[in-house]
Protein backbone atom coordinates (compact mmCIF):
# COMPACT_ATOMS: atom_id res chain seq x y z
CA UNK A 1 -81.86 24.00 -35.33
CA UNK A 2 -80.80 24.15 -31.69
CA UNK A 3 -78.48 21.97 -29.71
CA UNK A 4 -79.27 21.70 -26.02
CA UNK A 5 -75.89 21.46 -24.37
CA UNK A 6 -74.31 21.29 -20.93
CA UNK A 7 -70.89 22.51 -19.92
CA UNK A 8 -69.27 19.50 -18.07
CA UNK A 9 -71.33 16.39 -18.92
CA UNK A 10 -69.62 13.77 -21.09
CA UNK A 11 -72.42 13.15 -23.58
CA UNK A 12 -72.85 16.80 -24.75
CA UNK A 13 -69.05 17.05 -24.84
CA UNK A 14 -68.91 14.14 -27.33
CA UNK A 15 -71.25 16.06 -29.75
CA UNK A 16 -69.16 19.23 -29.22
CA UNK A 17 -65.94 17.47 -30.14
CA UNK A 18 -67.50 15.81 -33.08
CA UNK A 19 -68.85 19.14 -34.35
CA UNK A 20 -65.55 20.83 -33.92
CA UNK A 21 -63.76 18.09 -35.85
CA UNK A 22 -66.35 18.45 -38.77
CA UNK A 23 -66.15 22.36 -38.59
CA UNK A 24 -69.98 22.49 -38.16
CA UNK A 25 -71.55 25.29 -36.16
CA UNK A 26 -75.01 24.96 -34.51
CA UNK A 27 -76.81 27.33 -32.22
CA UNK A 28 -76.50 26.12 -28.65
CA UNK A 29 -78.68 26.40 -25.62
CA UNK A 30 -76.84 25.81 -22.32
CA UNK A 31 -78.61 23.70 -19.75
CA UNK A 32 -77.50 24.08 -16.19
CA UNK A 33 -77.25 20.62 -14.71
CA UNK A 34 -76.12 21.75 -11.25
CA UNK A 35 -79.31 23.81 -10.92
CA UNK A 36 -81.33 20.90 -12.24
CA UNK A 37 -82.47 22.88 -15.23
CA UNK A 38 -82.68 19.65 -17.17
CA UNK A 39 -85.49 18.49 -14.83
CA UNK A 40 -87.50 21.68 -15.10
CA UNK A 41 -90.70 21.86 -17.04
CA UNK A 42 -89.29 23.88 -19.91
CA UNK A 43 -86.42 21.47 -20.82
CA UNK A 44 -88.74 18.40 -20.14
CA UNK A 45 -90.99 19.77 -22.96
CA UNK A 46 -87.90 19.46 -25.37
CA UNK A 47 -86.79 16.08 -23.92
CA UNK A 48 -89.14 14.29 -21.41
CA UNK A 49 -86.28 12.02 -20.33
CA UNK A 50 -84.37 14.98 -18.86
CA UNK A 51 -81.15 14.01 -20.47
CA UNK A 52 -78.70 16.17 -22.47
CA UNK A 53 -77.78 16.66 -25.29
CA UNK A 54 -80.88 17.08 -27.45
CA UNK A 55 -81.08 18.57 -31.11
CA UNK A 56 -84.26 20.37 -31.93
CA UNK A 57 -84.68 20.57 -35.72
CA UNK A 58 -86.29 23.42 -37.45
CA UNK A 59 -89.58 21.47 -37.86
CA UNK A 60 -89.77 20.82 -34.21
CA UNK A 61 -88.59 17.18 -34.19
CA UNK A 62 -86.10 16.44 -31.41
CA UNK A 63 -83.15 14.02 -31.76
CA UNK A 64 -81.74 12.70 -28.36
CA UNK A 65 -78.61 10.60 -27.56
CA UNK A 66 -75.23 11.90 -28.54
CA UNK A 67 -74.32 9.20 -31.01
CA UNK A 68 -77.60 9.66 -32.83
CA UNK A 69 -77.05 13.35 -33.04
CA UNK A 70 -73.56 12.83 -34.48
CA UNK A 71 -74.93 10.32 -36.94
CA UNK A 72 -77.37 12.89 -38.14
CA UNK A 73 -74.70 15.43 -38.77
CA UNK A 74 -72.60 12.80 -40.50
CA UNK A 75 -75.38 12.33 -42.91
CA UNK A 76 -75.67 16.03 -43.58
CA UNK A 77 -71.94 16.61 -43.71
CA UNK A 78 -70.18 13.28 -44.84
CA UNK A 79 -66.76 14.81 -45.31
CA UNK A 80 -64.42 14.58 -43.57
CA UNK A 81 -65.77 11.18 -42.34
CA UNK A 82 -65.58 10.25 -38.60
CA UNK A 83 -67.59 7.06 -39.01
CA UNK A 84 -65.70 5.50 -41.96
CA UNK A 85 -66.39 5.29 -45.60
CA UNK A 86 -65.48 1.69 -46.57
CA UNK A 87 -67.55 -1.22 -45.19
CA UNK A 88 -64.50 -2.47 -42.96
CA UNK A 89 -63.86 1.13 -41.78
CA UNK A 90 -67.52 1.55 -40.67
CA UNK A 91 -67.62 -1.83 -38.97
CA UNK A 92 -64.26 -1.28 -37.20
CA UNK A 93 -65.27 2.12 -35.90
CA UNK A 94 -68.72 0.89 -34.83
CA UNK A 95 -67.30 -2.06 -32.96
CA UNK A 96 -64.70 -0.05 -31.06
CA UNK A 97 -67.26 2.72 -30.26
CA UNK A 98 -69.65 0.15 -28.84
CA UNK A 99 -66.82 -1.53 -26.86
CA UNK A 100 -65.77 1.74 -25.43
CA UNK A 101 -69.33 2.60 -24.46
CA UNK A 102 -70.24 -0.84 -22.92
CA UNK A 103 -67.00 -1.68 -21.18
CA UNK A 104 -65.41 1.73 -20.44
CA UNK A 105 -68.15 4.33 -20.26
CA UNK A 106 -70.58 2.14 -18.31
CA UNK A 107 -67.75 1.36 -15.79
CA UNK A 108 -67.12 5.03 -15.30
CA UNK A 109 -70.93 5.73 -14.88
CA UNK A 110 -71.12 2.93 -12.22
CA UNK A 111 -68.25 4.38 -10.27
CA UNK A 112 -69.42 7.97 -10.61
CA UNK A 113 -73.16 7.68 -9.95
CA UNK A 114 -72.73 5.28 -7.05
CA UNK A 115 -69.97 7.05 -5.17
CA UNK A 116 -70.64 10.76 -5.34
CA UNK A 117 -72.50 11.95 -2.22
CA UNK A 118 -74.28 14.70 -4.22
CA UNK A 119 -75.97 12.10 -6.32
CA UNK A 120 -77.83 10.39 -3.48
CA UNK A 121 -80.99 8.87 -4.87
CA UNK A 122 -79.77 9.92 -8.45
CA UNK A 123 -78.25 6.55 -9.40
CA UNK A 124 -79.36 7.05 -13.06
CA UNK A 125 -78.96 10.05 -15.07
CA UNK A 126 -82.13 12.02 -16.23
CA UNK A 127 -85.74 12.09 -15.05
CA UNK A 128 -86.50 8.94 -12.86
CA UNK A 129 -88.14 8.25 -9.49
CA UNK A 130 -85.57 8.29 -6.77
CA UNK A 131 -82.95 5.58 -7.48
CA UNK A 132 -80.65 4.79 -4.61
CA UNK A 133 -76.84 4.45 -4.96
CA UNK A 134 -75.52 0.92 -4.79
CA UNK A 135 -71.89 0.80 -3.46
CA UNK A 136 -71.32 -2.53 -4.97
CA UNK A 137 -71.92 -1.07 -8.41
CA UNK A 138 -69.11 1.43 -7.80
CA UNK A 139 -66.84 -1.61 -6.92
CA UNK A 140 -67.96 -3.29 -10.12
CA UNK A 141 -67.16 -0.24 -12.15
CA UNK A 142 -63.65 -0.13 -10.80
CA UNK A 143 -63.08 -3.69 -11.74
CA UNK A 144 -64.58 -3.30 -15.19
CA UNK A 145 -62.42 -0.18 -15.68
CA UNK A 146 -59.21 -2.01 -14.91
CA UNK A 147 -60.00 -4.81 -17.37
CA UNK A 148 -61.14 -2.25 -20.03
CA UNK A 149 -57.96 -0.09 -19.97
CA UNK A 150 -55.65 -3.15 -19.84
CA UNK A 151 -57.34 -4.41 -23.04
CA UNK A 152 -57.32 -0.94 -24.71
CA UNK A 153 -53.65 -0.44 -23.79
CA UNK A 154 -52.61 -3.62 -25.47
CA UNK A 155 -54.66 -2.72 -28.58
CA UNK A 156 -52.97 0.74 -28.84
CA UNK A 157 -49.53 -0.87 -28.70
CA UNK A 158 -50.14 -1.76 -32.42
CA UNK A 159 -51.71 1.41 -33.81
CA UNK A 160 -51.80 5.22 -33.51
CA UNK A 161 -55.69 5.56 -33.05
CA UNK A 162 -58.34 3.26 -31.71
CA UNK A 163 -59.97 2.05 -35.03
CA UNK A 164 -57.01 2.44 -37.44
CA UNK A 165 -54.65 4.99 -38.83
CA UNK A 166 -57.16 7.89 -38.52
CA UNK A 167 -58.81 9.72 -35.65
CA UNK A 168 -62.48 8.73 -35.58
CA UNK A 169 -65.65 8.71 -33.58
CA UNK A 170 -64.25 5.86 -31.60
CA UNK A 171 -61.42 8.09 -30.35
CA UNK A 172 -63.90 10.89 -29.43
CA UNK A 173 -66.02 8.46 -27.46
CA UNK A 174 -62.81 7.18 -25.71
CA UNK A 175 -61.44 10.58 -24.95
CA UNK A 176 -64.74 11.62 -23.27
CA UNK A 177 -64.82 8.35 -21.51
CA UNK A 178 -61.22 8.59 -20.05
CA UNK A 179 -61.76 12.18 -19.00
CA UNK A 180 -65.08 11.44 -17.35
CA UNK A 181 -63.64 8.42 -15.56
CA UNK A 182 -61.11 10.61 -13.92
CA UNK A 183 -63.76 12.50 -12.17
CA UNK A 184 -64.78 9.19 -10.50
CA UNK A 185 -61.29 8.44 -9.41
CA UNK A 186 -60.57 5.96 -12.22
CA UNK A 187 -57.21 6.47 -13.78
CA UNK A 188 -54.96 4.97 -16.57
CA UNK A 189 -51.92 4.36 -14.35
CA UNK A 190 -49.48 2.01 -15.94
CA UNK A 191 -51.13 2.17 -19.39
CA UNK A 192 -48.47 3.90 -21.43
CA UNK A 193 -50.04 3.35 -24.76
CA UNK A 194 -53.18 4.94 -23.56
CA UNK A 195 -51.25 7.79 -22.19
CA UNK A 196 -49.50 8.31 -25.54
CA UNK A 197 -52.85 8.21 -27.28
CA UNK A 198 -54.57 10.43 -24.65
CA UNK A 199 -51.88 13.11 -25.02
CA UNK A 200 -52.45 13.17 -28.89
CA UNK A 201 -56.18 13.18 -28.56
CA UNK A 202 -56.18 15.90 -25.93
CA UNK A 203 -53.86 18.12 -28.13
CA UNK A 204 -56.39 18.29 -30.95
CA UNK A 205 -58.17 21.66 -30.92
CA UNK A 206 -61.50 19.85 -30.92
CA UNK A 207 -60.76 18.44 -27.44
CA UNK A 208 -61.37 21.83 -25.88
CA UNK A 209 -64.86 22.28 -27.45
């Protein structure tokens, strides 16, 4: 199988961190986003949406979406679990992953995609017709981000990791989100509990994957 990857984008990084935590190695094909390689004919044959990452299986089937790729590997390599083993662990990790994605990551995307001059007419990632930037969405993203980190900071006052006592896929998702948000000028200023968590998550060897 082959994992189509990109050096700086958050979604491919989420898969890389997950695989590093699992100790799973996969052949990787790097896609140059700055050169728009993801929008070229060769990659669009792999993933017509023009988004990364994508996992091409040996039989030719392609799995897209970073969470789906990680779920696939979790089924192949269940230990050590990063999605939980008991019903309550599974539910807790899923709940926090969805919350980070919908409240935090989307806020960062709004701010990033609608404020970076180089992304003019690229308001949505992947292959789309020209989609203009909307400055009000960048403002919305900043408001959402502030509310998100305040809630997460309070939550982390009571526990070491986001979904319990162990590092999980929810933490991977949040790490990628916080680092990506920084590129859009969104910070965690005043959120000491997130700062403590971020230092611990960033110190794990997988964070550099």
